[in-house]
Protein backbone atom coordinates (compact mmCIF):
# COMPACT_ATOMS: atom_id res chain seq x y z
CA UNK A 1 80.92 109.10 135.30
CA UNK A 2 80.50 112.15 133.03
CA UNK A 3 83.22 111.17 130.58
CA UNK A 4 83.95 113.77 127.93
CA UNK A 5 86.64 114.46 125.36
CA UNK A 6 88.14 117.81 124.42
CA UNK A 7 91.27 119.43 123.08
CA UNK A 8 94.07 119.81 125.60
CA UNK A 9 94.68 123.31 126.93
CA UNK A 10 97.81 124.99 128.29
CA UNK A 11 96.36 124.93 131.82
CA UNK A 12 96.11 121.11 131.57
CA UNK A 13 99.82 120.54 130.91
CA UNK A 14 101.07 120.11 134.52
CA UNK A 15 98.26 117.67 135.39
CA UNK A 16 98.70 115.79 132.11
CA UNK A 17 102.44 115.49 132.68
CA UNK A 18 101.79 114.01 136.13
CA UNK A 19 99.21 111.64 134.58
CA UNK A 20 101.82 110.47 132.03
CA UNK A 21 104.27 109.72 134.84
CA UNK A 22 101.65 107.73 136.82
CA UNK A 23 100.66 105.83 133.70
CA UNK A 24 104.29 104.93 132.89
CA UNK A 25 104.81 103.77 136.49
CA UNK A 26 101.83 101.41 136.08
CA UNK A 27 104.11 99.05 134.12
CA UNK A 28 106.13 98.32 137.28
CA UNK A 29 109.21 100.44 136.67
CA UNK A 30 111.28 101.60 139.62
CA UNK A 31 111.55 105.23 140.71
CA UNK A 32 114.92 105.77 138.99
CA UNK A 33 113.53 104.60 135.65
CA UNK A 34 110.45 106.83 135.98
CA UNK A 35 112.66 109.79 136.85
CA UNK A 36 114.76 109.10 133.73
CA UNK A 37 111.55 109.46 131.70
CA UNK A 38 110.50 112.78 133.27
CA UNK A 39 111.77 115.08 130.50
CA UNK A 40 110.19 112.98 127.77
CA UNK A 41 106.88 112.76 129.65
CA UNK A 42 106.64 116.45 130.57
CA UNK A 43 104.19 118.08 128.16
CA UNK A 44 104.91 121.63 127.02
CA UNK A 45 103.27 124.42 125.08
CA UNK A 46 105.46 123.31 122.16
CA UNK A 47 103.66 119.95 122.23
CA UNK A 48 100.29 121.72 122.09
CA UNK A 49 101.38 123.59 118.98
CA UNK A 50 103.13 120.69 117.27
CA UNK A 51 100.52 117.95 117.72
CA UNK A 52 96.78 117.47 117.89
CA UNK A 53 96.16 116.61 121.54
CA UNK A 54 92.97 115.29 123.10
CA UNK A 55 92.09 114.68 126.75
CA UNK A 56 89.49 112.46 128.36
CA UNK A 57 87.97 113.97 131.47
CA UNK A 58 85.32 113.29 134.06
CA UNK A 59 84.39 116.82 135.04
CA UNK A 60 87.65 118.44 136.15
CA UNK A 61 89.45 115.09 136.59
CA UNK A 62 91.75 114.31 133.67
CA UNK A 63 91.70 110.57 132.90
CA UNK A 64 93.74 110.25 129.72
CA UNK A 65 95.59 112.03 126.95
CA UNK A 66 96.56 111.27 123.37
CA UNK A 67 98.53 113.23 120.79
CA UNK A 68 99.08 112.62 117.12
CA UNK A 69 101.41 114.31 114.66
CA UNK A 70 100.82 114.15 110.92
CA UNK A 71 103.34 114.67 108.14
CA UNK A 72 101.98 113.93 104.68
CA UNK A 73 100.72 110.37 104.41
CA UNK A 74 102.34 109.36 107.69
CA UNK A 75 101.30 109.97 111.28
CA UNK A 76 102.91 109.29 114.63
CA UNK A 77 101.04 108.48 117.81
CA UNK A 78 103.10 110.85 119.93
CA UNK A 79 101.55 109.76 123.21
CA UNK A 80 98.67 107.86 124.70
CA UNK A 81 98.45 107.63 128.49
CA UNK A 82 95.60 106.68 130.81
CA UNK A 83 95.54 107.36 134.55
CA UNK A 84 95.86 103.89 136.13
CA UNK A 85 92.58 104.05 138.14
CA UNK A 86 90.76 104.78 134.85
CA UNK A 87 92.32 101.87 132.91
CA UNK A 88 89.99 99.17 131.64
CA UNK A 89 87.06 101.52 130.95
CA UNK A 90 87.62 101.93 127.20
CA UNK A 91 89.17 105.39 127.50
CA UNK A 92 92.42 104.31 125.86
CA UNK A 93 90.56 102.72 122.96
CA UNK A 94 88.44 105.87 122.51
CA UNK A 95 91.55 108.07 122.46
CA UNK A 96 93.27 105.69 120.03
CA UNK A 97 90.25 105.83 117.70
CA UNK A 98 90.31 109.64 117.97
CA UNK A 99 94.02 109.67 117.02
CA UNK A 100 93.41 107.41 114.02
CA UNK A 101 90.44 109.49 112.87
CA UNK A 102 92.38 112.75 113.31
CA UNK A 103 95.34 111.37 111.34
CA UNK A 104 93.05 110.08 108.59
CA UNK A 105 91.21 113.41 108.22
CA UNK A 106 94.58 115.19 107.95
CA UNK A 107 95.60 112.91 105.06
CA UNK A 108 97.61 110.19 106.79
CA UNK A 109 97.37 106.63 105.53
CA UNK A 110 99.60 104.95 108.11
CA UNK A 111 100.05 105.42 111.86
CA UNK A 112 103.42 104.73 113.51
CA UNK A 113 103.58 103.89 117.22
CA UNK A 114 106.65 103.64 119.45
CA UNK A 115 105.23 101.75 122.40
CA UNK A 116 106.23 100.85 125.89
CA UNK A 117 106.82 97.08 125.80
CA UNK A 118 103.99 96.65 128.30
CA UNK A 119 101.55 98.49 126.00
CA UNK A 120 102.51 96.52 122.89
CA UNK A 121 99.69 93.95 123.32
CA UNK A 122 97.16 96.79 123.70
CA UNK A 123 98.11 98.23 120.31
CA UNK A 124 98.19 94.77 118.74
CA UNK A 125 94.60 94.18 119.94
CA UNK A 126 93.66 97.40 118.13
CA UNK A 127 95.12 96.10 114.88
CA UNK A 128 98.68 97.44 114.88
CA UNK A 129 101.57 95.21 113.81
CA UNK A 130 105.14 95.23 115.14
CA UNK A 131 107.49 96.31 112.36
CA UNK A 132 110.74 96.88 114.23
CA UNK A 133 112.35 98.61 117.19
CA UNK A 134 113.58 102.12 118.00
CA UNK A 135 115.88 103.54 120.68
CA UNK A 136 114.25 104.95 123.79
CA UNK A 137 114.33 108.73 124.07
CA UNK A 138 114.81 108.44 127.84
CA UNK A 139 116.96 105.41 128.65
CA UNK A 140 120.18 104.83 126.70
CA UNK A 141 120.47 101.32 125.29
CA UNK A 142 116.76 100.55 125.73
CA UNK A 143 114.80 99.56 122.61
CA UNK A 144 111.06 100.08 122.13
CA UNK A 145 108.74 98.15 119.83
CA UNK A 146 107.60 100.09 116.76
CA UNK A 147 104.18 99.23 115.43
CA UNK A 148 102.27 100.39 112.36
CA UNK A 149 98.58 100.54 111.55
CA UNK A 150 97.21 101.16 108.07
CA UNK A 151 94.54 103.82 108.27
């Protein structure tokens, strides 16, 4: 494996959007649920301009993506998705560390994470604490755990 990390590019967006959909499906959701998430998981050029976005790649194969947005002393982990065959190799942790470091260098002191319920334990293992819940941007009535991590 020739794992490398780099900034996301506009040409990556279709493949990264598909990766986000596969990663979401990993949690066992049915096709209708995944389709309901399509708009929220489709990455756009607006996302590239609004957030710092990093990809993990093995040559041309994209294995993961993370994005962080910073406003003052606060930061939001906008997304963190790993292609299911690449899970368990430390790629998610590396992208999470990148997001924390990026937020910290841009002046943030706290990272906010709205997580898929299945990913909650992953973020807790990395030191984040559940502080509440937020409405899903894709599925009306669904609530997502909100976690925070002091940077």
